[in-house]
Amino acid sequence: MDDVAVSGPLPLGAFLKLAGVAGTGGHAKVIVQSGDVTVNGEVEMRRGRTLQVGDVVGVGGREYRVWSSPA
């Protein structure tokens, strides 16, 4: 599992770009709408879902944990 540091809550689409899974917002939209993204083990189809620290995002057989960036 890879930790991805964030500075606060952010939408799933932005997280996918930050994690390097998607190159653009449009690419993130396609990935999410394909049904291949999970959040905390459940399929998530909403690109705008707000992620919180501790959430685990799964895509393409990999998992990414939302982690708090040091202030």
C-alpha atoms as a PDB file:
ATOM      1  CA  MET A   1       0.000   0.000   0.000  1.00  0.00           C
ATOM      2  CA  ASP A   2       1.279   3.441  -0.921  1.00  0.00           C
ATOM      3  CA  ASP A   3       0.692   6.463   1.318  1.00  0.00           C
ATOM      4  CA  VAL A   4      -0.297   9.665  -0.480  1.00  0.00           C
ATOM      5  CA  ALA A   5       0.069  12.823   1.608  1.00  0.00           C
ATOM      6  CA  VAL A   6      -2.710  15.400   1.381  1.00  0.00           C
ATOM      7  CA  SER A   7      -3.204  18.718   3.140  1.00  0.00           C
ATOM      8  CA  GLY A   8      -6.925  18.238   3.777  1.00  0.00           C
ATOM      9  CA  PRO A   9     -10.061  16.587   2.399  1.00  0.00           C
ATOM     10  CA  LEU A  10     -10.111  16.377  -1.395  1.00  0.00           C
ATOM     11  CA  PRO A  11     -12.251  14.872  -4.165  1.00  0.00           C
ATOM     12  CA  LEU A  12     -11.510  11.386  -5.435  1.00  0.00           C
ATOM     13  CA  GLY A  13     -10.645  12.660  -8.928  1.00  0.00           C
ATOM     14  CA  ALA A  14      -8.031  15.064  -7.542  1.00  0.00           C
ATOM     15  CA  PHE A  15      -6.603  12.280  -5.385  1.00  0.00           C
ATOM     16  CA  LEU A  16      -6.191  10.004  -8.410  1.00  0.00           C
ATOM     17  CA  LYS A  17      -4.201  12.757 -10.142  1.00  0.00           C
ATOM     18  CA  LEU A  18      -2.101  13.395  -7.016  1.00  0.00           C
ATOM     19  CA  ALA A  19      -1.348   9.678  -6.656  1.00  0.00           C
ATOM     20  CA  GLY A  20      -0.239   9.510 -10.300  1.00  0.00           C
ATOM     21  CA  VAL A  21      -3.009   7.125 -11.305  1.00  0.00           C
ATOM     22  CA  ALA A  22      -4.620   9.654 -13.668  1.00  0.00           C
ATOM     23  CA  GLY A  23      -2.854  12.272 -15.750  1.00  0.00           C
ATOM     24  CA  THR A  24      -5.840  14.598 -16.086  1.00  0.00           C
ATOM     25  CA  GLY A  25      -9.250  15.187 -14.568  1.00  0.00           C
ATOM     26  CA  GLY A  26     -10.825  13.673 -17.668  1.00  0.00           C
ATOM     27  CA  HIS A  27      -8.721  10.545 -17.292  1.00  0.00           C
ATOM     28  CA  ALA A  28      -9.731  10.331 -13.609  1.00  0.00           C
ATOM     29  CA  LYS A  29     -13.389  10.565 -14.649  1.00  0.00           C
ATOM     30  CA  VAL A  30     -13.009   7.649 -17.081  1.00  0.00           C
ATOM     31  CA  ILE A  31     -11.228   5.506 -14.472  1.00  0.00           C
ATOM     32  CA  VAL A  32     -13.907   6.151 -11.834  1.00  0.00           C
ATOM     33  CA  GLN A  33     -16.814   5.613 -14.237  1.00  0.00           C
ATOM     34  CA  SER A  34     -15.320   2.294 -15.355  1.00  0.00           C
ATOM     35  CA  GLY A  35     -16.127   0.869 -11.910  1.00  0.00           C
ATOM     36  CA  ASP A  36     -12.495  -0.042 -11.249  1.00  0.00           C
ATOM     37  CA  VAL A  37     -12.059   2.262  -8.229  1.00  0.00           C
ATOM     38  CA  THR A  38     -12.835   1.286  -4.652  1.00  0.00           C
ATOM     39  CA  VAL A  39     -12.852   3.418  -1.520  1.00  0.00           C
ATOM     40  CA  ASN A  40     -12.508   1.469   1.719  1.00  0.00           C
ATOM     41  CA  GLY A  41     -13.322  -1.746  -0.146  1.00  0.00           C
ATOM     42  CA  GLU A  42     -16.508  -0.534  -1.880  1.00  0.00           C
ATOM     43  CA  VAL A  43     -16.843   0.396  -5.550  1.00  0.00           C
ATOM     44  CA  GLU A  44     -17.052   4.175  -5.908  1.00  0.00           C
ATOM     45  CA  MET A  45     -18.564   5.751  -9.022  1.00  0.00           C
ATOM     46  CA  ARG A  46     -18.509   9.392  -7.865  1.00  0.00           C
ATOM     47  CA  ARG A  47     -15.411  11.306  -8.938  1.00  0.00           C
ATOM     48  CA  GLY A  48     -16.387  14.114  -6.528  1.00  0.00           C
ATOM     49  CA  ARG A  49     -16.523  11.920  -3.439  1.00  0.00           C
ATOM     50  CA  THR A  50     -14.616  13.677  -0.681  1.00  0.00           C
ATOM     51  CA  LEU A  51     -11.820  11.569   0.751  1.00  0.00           C
ATOM     52  CA  GLN A  52     -10.680  11.850   4.346  1.00  0.00           C
ATOM     53  CA  VAL A  53      -7.382  10.963   5.998  1.00  0.00           C
ATOM     54  CA  GLY A  54      -7.270   7.190   6.501  1.00  0.00           C
ATOM     55  CA  ASP A  55      -9.416   6.290   3.479  1.00  0.00           C
ATOM     56  CA  VAL A  56      -7.969   3.559   1.262  1.00  0.00           C
ATOM     57  CA  VAL A  57      -8.412   3.901  -2.500  1.00  0.00           C
ATOM     58  CA  GLY A  58      -7.954   0.831  -4.685  1.00  0.00           C
ATOM     59  CA  VAL A  59      -7.400   0.972  -8.447  1.00  0.00           C
ATOM     60  CA  GLY A  60      -5.674  -1.313 -10.914  1.00  0.00           C
ATOM     61  CA  GLY A  61      -4.749  -3.865  -8.268  1.00  0.00           C
ATOM     62  CA  ARG A  62      -2.937  -1.270  -6.119  1.00  0.00           C
ATOM     63  CA  GLU A  63      -4.019   0.475  -2.948  1.00  0.00           C
ATOM     64  CA  TYR A  64      -3.333   4.040  -1.876  1.00  0.00           C
ATOM     65  CA  ARG A  65      -3.935   5.382   1.623  1.00  0.00           C
ATOM     66  CA  VAL A  66      -4.942   9.000   2.140  1.00  0.00           C
ATOM     67  CA  TRP A  67      -2.372  10.323   4.596  1.00  0.00           C
ATOM     68  CA  SER A  68      -2.078  13.642   6.384  1.00  0.00           C
ATOM     69  CA  SER A  69       0.690  15.884   5.114  1.00  0.00           C
ATOM     70  CA  PRO A  70       2.871  17.326   7.884  1.00  0.00           C
ATOM     71  CA  ALA A  71       2.090  20.981   8.466  1.00  0.00           C
END
